N, C-alpha and C. Protein backbone atom coordinates (compact mmCIF):
# COMPACT_ATOMS: atom_id res chain seq x y z
N UNK A 1 80.47 69.61 56.94
CA UNK A 1 80.78 68.78 58.09
C UNK A 1 82.29 68.61 58.18
N UNK A 2 82.87 68.94 59.30
CA UNK A 2 84.30 68.80 59.47
C UNK A 2 84.63 67.38 59.91
N UNK A 3 85.66 66.82 59.31
CA UNK A 3 86.19 65.53 59.74
C UNK A 3 87.60 65.75 60.25
N UNK A 4 87.87 65.20 61.42
CA UNK A 4 89.20 65.30 62.02
C UNK A 4 89.80 63.89 62.09
N UNK A 5 91.02 63.76 61.60
CA UNK A 5 91.68 62.47 61.62
C UNK A 5 93.02 62.63 62.31
N UNK A 6 93.14 61.99 63.47
CA UNK A 6 94.40 62.04 64.23
C UNK A 6 95.25 60.81 63.87
N UNK A 7 96.56 61.00 63.84
CA UNK A 7 97.47 59.89 63.55
C UNK A 7 98.81 60.17 64.18
N UNK A 8 99.67 59.15 64.16
CA UNK A 8 101.03 59.32 64.64
C UNK A 8 101.33 58.73 65.98
N UNK A 9 100.32 58.19 66.66
CA UNK A 9 100.55 57.61 67.96
C UNK A 9 101.31 56.28 67.86
N UNK A 10 101.62 55.75 69.02
CA UNK A 10 102.31 54.48 69.05
C UNK A 10 102.87 54.19 70.42
N UNK A 11 103.69 53.14 70.49
CA UNK A 11 104.35 52.76 71.74
C UNK A 11 105.76 53.31 71.74
N UNK A 12 106.12 53.99 72.79
CA UNK A 12 107.45 54.60 72.85
C UNK A 12 107.96 54.45 74.28
N UNK A 13 109.28 54.37 74.42
CA UNK A 13 109.87 54.27 75.74
C UNK A 13 109.91 55.65 76.41
N UNK A 14 109.95 55.67 77.72
CA UNK A 14 110.09 56.94 78.43
C UNK A 14 111.31 57.70 77.91
N UNK A 15 111.13 58.99 77.70
CA UNK A 15 112.18 59.81 77.14
C UNK A 15 112.14 59.91 75.63
N UNK A 16 111.30 59.12 75.00
CA UNK A 16 111.20 59.10 73.55
C UNK A 16 110.34 60.23 73.01
N UNK A 17 110.14 60.19 71.68
CA UNK A 17 109.40 61.24 71.01
C UNK A 17 108.39 60.67 70.04
N UNK A 18 107.35 61.41 69.80
CA UNK A 18 106.35 61.10 68.79
C UNK A 18 105.85 62.42 68.20
N UNK A 19 105.39 62.35 66.97
CA UNK A 19 104.78 63.51 66.32
C UNK A 19 103.38 63.13 65.89
N UNK A 20 102.40 63.78 66.48
CA UNK A 20 101.01 63.52 66.14
C UNK A 20 100.56 64.50 65.06
N UNK A 21 99.64 64.03 64.22
CA UNK A 21 99.04 64.89 63.19
C UNK A 21 97.54 64.90 63.36
N UNK A 22 96.94 66.02 63.04
CA UNK A 22 95.49 66.16 63.03
C UNK A 22 95.13 66.81 61.68
N UNK A 23 94.59 66.01 60.81
CA UNK A 23 94.22 66.50 59.48
C UNK A 23 92.73 66.76 59.45
N UNK A 24 92.37 67.93 58.98
CA UNK A 24 90.96 68.33 58.92
C UNK A 24 90.50 68.39 57.48
N UNK A 25 89.28 67.97 57.25
CA UNK A 25 88.67 68.10 55.94
C UNK A 25 87.26 68.63 56.13
N UNK A 26 86.75 69.27 55.09
CA UNK A 26 85.38 69.79 55.14
C UNK A 26 85.28 71.25 55.50
N UNK A 27 86.33 71.79 56.13
CA UNK A 27 86.33 73.19 56.49
C UNK A 27 87.75 73.60 56.84
N UNK A 28 88.11 74.79 56.42
CA UNK A 28 89.44 75.28 56.76
C UNK A 28 89.48 75.64 58.25
N UNK A 29 90.64 75.35 58.85
CA UNK A 29 90.79 75.58 60.27
C UNK A 29 91.18 77.01 60.61
N UNK A 30 91.38 77.83 59.60
CA UNK A 30 92.04 79.10 59.84
C UNK A 30 91.16 80.14 60.53
N UNK A 31 89.94 79.80 60.91
CA UNK A 31 89.14 80.72 61.67
C UNK A 31 88.88 80.22 63.09
N UNK A 32 89.58 79.18 63.46
CA UNK A 32 89.24 78.51 64.71
C UNK A 32 90.41 78.47 65.69
N UNK A 33 90.06 78.22 66.93
CA UNK A 33 90.99 78.01 68.01
C UNK A 33 91.02 76.50 68.21
N UNK A 34 92.12 75.87 67.79
CA UNK A 34 92.19 74.41 67.69
C UNK A 34 93.06 73.87 68.83
N UNK A 35 92.58 72.81 69.46
CA UNK A 35 93.32 72.25 70.58
C UNK A 35 93.61 70.79 70.43
N UNK A 36 94.59 70.33 71.17
CA UNK A 36 94.88 68.91 71.39
C UNK A 36 94.41 68.59 72.79
N UNK A 37 93.76 67.43 72.90
CA UNK A 37 93.29 66.94 74.17
C UNK A 37 93.75 65.50 74.34
N UNK A 38 93.67 64.99 75.54
CA UNK A 38 94.00 63.58 75.75
C UNK A 38 93.11 63.02 76.84
N UNK A 39 92.92 61.72 76.73
CA UNK A 39 92.10 61.04 77.72
C UNK A 39 92.76 59.71 78.08
N UNK A 40 93.13 59.60 79.33
CA UNK A 40 93.72 58.33 79.83
C UNK A 40 92.61 57.45 80.37
N UNK A 41 92.85 56.17 80.44
CA UNK A 41 91.83 55.25 80.96
C UNK A 41 91.36 55.66 82.34
N UNK A 42 90.04 55.74 82.49
CA UNK A 42 89.46 56.08 83.78
C UNK A 42 89.54 57.53 84.16
N UNK A 43 90.02 58.37 83.26
CA UNK A 43 90.15 59.80 83.57
C UNK A 43 89.36 60.61 82.57
N UNK A 44 89.09 61.85 82.96
CA UNK A 44 88.38 62.76 82.04
C UNK A 44 89.34 63.28 80.99
N UNK A 45 88.76 63.70 79.90
CA UNK A 45 89.55 64.33 78.85
C UNK A 45 90.19 65.61 79.38
N UNK A 46 91.43 65.85 79.04
CA UNK A 46 92.12 67.05 79.52
C UNK A 46 92.77 67.79 78.39
N UNK A 47 92.92 69.07 78.58
CA UNK A 47 93.56 69.94 77.61
C UNK A 47 95.06 69.70 77.58
N UNK A 48 95.62 69.73 76.38
CA UNK A 48 97.07 69.56 76.21
C UNK A 48 97.71 70.84 75.65
N UNK A 49 97.19 71.29 74.52
CA UNK A 49 97.76 72.45 73.84
C UNK A 49 96.76 73.00 72.87
N UNK A 50 96.90 74.26 72.51
CA UNK A 50 95.96 74.87 71.56
C UNK A 50 96.62 75.99 70.80
N UNK A 51 96.08 76.26 69.62
CA UNK A 51 96.58 77.35 68.81
C UNK A 51 95.42 78.18 68.31
N UNK A 52 95.56 79.49 68.50
CA UNK A 52 94.59 80.42 67.93
C UNK A 52 95.08 80.70 66.53
N UNK A 53 94.37 80.15 65.54
CA UNK A 53 94.90 80.16 64.17
C UNK A 53 95.22 81.55 63.68
N UNK A 54 94.30 82.49 63.96
CA UNK A 54 94.57 83.87 63.59
C UNK A 54 95.45 84.48 64.67
N UNK A 55 96.64 84.81 64.30
CA UNK A 55 97.60 85.37 65.26
C UNK A 55 98.65 84.38 65.70
N UNK A 56 98.30 83.12 65.68
CA UNK A 56 99.27 82.08 65.97
C UNK A 56 99.62 81.89 67.42
N UNK A 57 98.85 82.48 68.36
CA UNK A 57 99.14 82.29 69.78
C UNK A 57 98.97 80.81 70.14
N UNK A 58 99.91 80.28 70.90
CA UNK A 58 99.88 78.88 71.28
C UNK A 58 99.91 78.78 72.81
N UNK A 59 99.15 77.84 73.31
CA UNK A 59 99.01 77.66 74.74
C UNK A 59 99.27 76.20 75.08
N UNK A 60 99.85 75.97 76.24
CA UNK A 60 100.17 74.59 76.66
C UNK A 60 99.70 74.38 78.09
N UNK A 61 99.29 73.15 78.36
CA UNK A 61 99.06 72.74 79.75
C UNK A 61 100.40 72.73 80.48
N UNK A 62 100.37 73.02 81.75
CA UNK A 62 101.62 73.05 82.53
C UNK A 62 102.36 71.71 82.47
N UNK A 63 101.59 70.63 82.38
CA UNK A 63 102.17 69.31 82.43
C UNK A 63 103.00 68.98 81.18
N UNK A 64 102.81 69.72 80.10
CA UNK A 64 103.55 69.40 78.87
C UNK A 64 104.44 70.56 78.42
N UNK A 65 104.36 71.67 79.11
CA UNK A 65 105.12 72.85 78.72
C UNK A 65 106.62 72.52 78.71
N UNK A 66 107.28 72.90 77.65
CA UNK A 66 108.70 72.62 77.51
C UNK A 66 109.02 71.27 76.88
N UNK A 67 108.04 70.43 76.77
CA UNK A 67 108.24 69.10 76.16
C UNK A 67 107.48 68.94 74.86
N UNK A 68 106.32 69.53 74.78
CA UNK A 68 105.45 69.40 73.59
C UNK A 68 105.49 70.72 72.83
N UNK A 69 105.39 70.57 71.48
CA UNK A 69 105.34 71.75 70.62
C UNK A 69 104.23 71.58 69.60
N UNK A 70 103.35 72.55 69.56
CA UNK A 70 102.25 72.54 68.60
C UNK A 70 102.63 73.38 67.40
N UNK A 71 102.29 72.88 66.24
CA UNK A 71 102.54 73.65 65.02
C UNK A 71 101.41 73.40 64.03
N UNK A 72 101.40 74.16 62.94
CA UNK A 72 100.33 74.01 61.96
C UNK A 72 100.89 74.11 60.56
N UNK A 73 100.14 73.57 59.62
CA UNK A 73 100.45 73.71 58.19
C UNK A 73 99.16 74.18 57.53
N UNK A 74 99.12 75.46 57.19
CA UNK A 74 97.91 76.02 56.61
C UNK A 74 97.52 75.33 55.30
N UNK A 75 98.51 75.07 54.48
CA UNK A 75 98.24 74.49 53.17
C UNK A 75 97.64 73.10 53.31
N UNK A 76 98.05 72.38 54.34
CA UNK A 76 97.56 71.00 54.51
C UNK A 76 96.37 70.94 55.49
N UNK A 77 96.00 72.11 56.04
CA UNK A 77 94.88 72.14 56.98
C UNK A 77 95.12 71.13 58.11
N UNK A 78 96.32 71.13 58.62
CA UNK A 78 96.77 70.12 59.57
C UNK A 78 97.46 70.79 60.75
N UNK A 79 97.23 70.19 61.91
CA UNK A 79 97.89 70.63 63.14
C UNK A 79 98.75 69.48 63.64
N UNK A 80 99.90 69.80 64.16
CA UNK A 80 100.84 68.81 64.63
C UNK A 80 101.11 68.98 66.12
N UNK A 81 101.48 67.89 66.77
CA UNK A 81 101.92 67.96 68.15
C UNK A 81 103.20 67.14 68.26
N UNK A 82 104.32 67.86 68.36
CA UNK A 82 105.61 67.18 68.58
C UNK A 82 105.75 66.96 70.08
N UNK A 83 105.94 65.69 70.43
CA UNK A 83 106.02 65.33 71.85
C UNK A 83 107.40 64.75 72.12
N UNK A 84 108.14 65.41 72.95
CA UNK A 84 109.48 64.97 73.34
C UNK A 84 109.53 64.65 74.83
N UNK A 85 110.56 63.96 75.23
CA UNK A 85 110.75 63.61 76.65
C UNK A 85 109.49 63.01 77.23
N UNK A 86 108.92 62.08 76.52
CA UNK A 86 107.64 61.49 76.93
C UNK A 86 107.78 60.72 78.25
N UNK A 87 106.71 60.79 79.02
CA UNK A 87 106.66 60.16 80.33
C UNK A 87 105.50 59.16 80.35
N UNK A 88 105.56 58.18 81.23
CA UNK A 88 104.44 57.22 81.31
C UNK A 88 103.09 57.91 81.53
N UNK A 89 103.10 59.01 82.25
CA UNK A 89 101.83 59.71 82.50
C UNK A 89 101.28 60.44 81.29
N UNK A 90 102.03 60.44 80.18
CA UNK A 90 101.51 60.98 78.92
C UNK A 90 100.68 59.93 78.17
N UNK A 91 100.65 58.72 78.67
CA UNK A 91 99.88 57.67 78.03
C UNK A 91 98.39 58.03 77.99
N UNK A 92 97.81 58.03 76.81
CA UNK A 92 96.41 58.42 76.64
C UNK A 92 96.04 58.31 75.16
N UNK A 93 94.77 58.47 74.90
CA UNK A 93 94.32 58.68 73.53
C UNK A 93 94.29 60.20 73.31
N UNK A 94 94.90 60.61 72.22
CA UNK A 94 95.03 62.03 71.91
C UNK A 94 94.05 62.40 70.81
N UNK A 95 93.36 63.52 71.01
CA UNK A 95 92.37 64.01 70.07
C UNK A 95 92.67 65.49 69.76
N UNK A 96 92.20 65.91 68.59
CA UNK A 96 92.20 67.34 68.29
C UNK A 96 90.76 67.77 68.07
N UNK A 97 90.49 69.04 68.30
CA UNK A 97 89.17 69.59 68.10
C UNK A 97 89.22 71.10 68.36
N UNK A 98 88.12 71.74 68.23
CA UNK A 98 88.03 73.13 68.64
C UNK A 98 88.36 73.20 70.13
N UNK A 99 88.96 74.30 70.55
CA UNK A 99 89.35 74.42 71.95
C UNK A 99 88.14 74.40 72.88
N UNK A 100 87.00 74.95 72.42
CA UNK A 100 85.80 75.03 73.25
C UNK A 100 84.58 74.69 72.42
N UNK A 101 83.48 74.46 73.09
CA UNK A 101 82.25 74.17 72.39
C UNK A 101 81.78 75.36 71.56
N UNK A 102 81.06 75.11 70.48
CA UNK A 102 80.59 73.81 69.98
C UNK A 102 81.72 73.06 69.26
N UNK A 103 81.93 71.82 69.67
CA UNK A 103 83.00 71.03 69.09
C UNK A 103 82.60 70.52 67.70
N UNK A 104 83.60 70.25 66.91
CA UNK A 104 83.39 69.46 65.70
C UNK A 104 83.14 68.02 66.14
N UNK A 105 82.61 67.17 65.25
CA UNK A 105 82.53 65.75 65.59
C UNK A 105 83.91 65.22 65.97
N UNK A 106 83.99 64.49 67.06
CA UNK A 106 85.29 63.99 67.50
C UNK A 106 85.79 62.88 66.59
N UNK A 107 87.08 62.92 66.33
CA UNK A 107 87.69 61.83 65.58
C UNK A 107 87.93 60.63 66.49
N UNK A 108 88.59 59.63 65.96
CA UNK A 108 88.86 58.42 66.74
C UNK A 108 90.03 58.56 67.68
N UNK A 109 90.82 59.58 67.45
CA UNK A 109 91.98 59.78 68.29
C UNK A 109 93.11 58.86 67.88
N UNK A 110 94.25 59.08 68.52
CA UNK A 110 95.42 58.23 68.28
C UNK A 110 96.02 57.87 69.64
N UNK A 111 96.29 56.58 69.80
CA UNK A 111 96.77 56.07 71.09
C UNK A 111 98.27 56.34 71.24
N UNK A 112 98.62 56.90 72.36
CA UNK A 112 100.03 57.10 72.73
C UNK A 112 100.28 56.29 74.00
N UNK A 113 101.24 55.39 73.94
CA UNK A 113 101.58 54.58 75.09
C UNK A 113 103.07 54.76 75.38
N UNK A 114 103.36 55.20 76.59
CA UNK A 114 104.75 55.41 77.00
C UNK A 114 105.08 54.38 78.06
N UNK A 115 105.92 53.45 77.69
CA UNK A 115 106.22 52.35 78.59
C UNK A 115 107.55 51.72 78.22
N UNK A 116 108.23 51.22 79.23
CA UNK A 116 109.47 50.51 78.98
C UNK A 116 109.21 49.00 78.87
């Protein structure tokens, strides 16, 4: 059973930065296509970024391209999301999981709030 634990969220002013972490246990991520997603209040969950572990191809939603950077640490079985130039519209709970179904059990996510 895979467990995903997201961390690193918080309150930040517009233009600020945060680094999110997604630590996985129970299974190595190196055979999967892993994504970051976010869900704002009253909205559906949306794709943010993803990495195809084999090959290292990385994909970003247009809304975060140029501001967010996804990276991985094989040894720690962890995926990171460096978020720069944050905007109020980036406010959401951020989750990591497989890019497509069948999903792993969802973690609790980490809250990111961008506000002055």
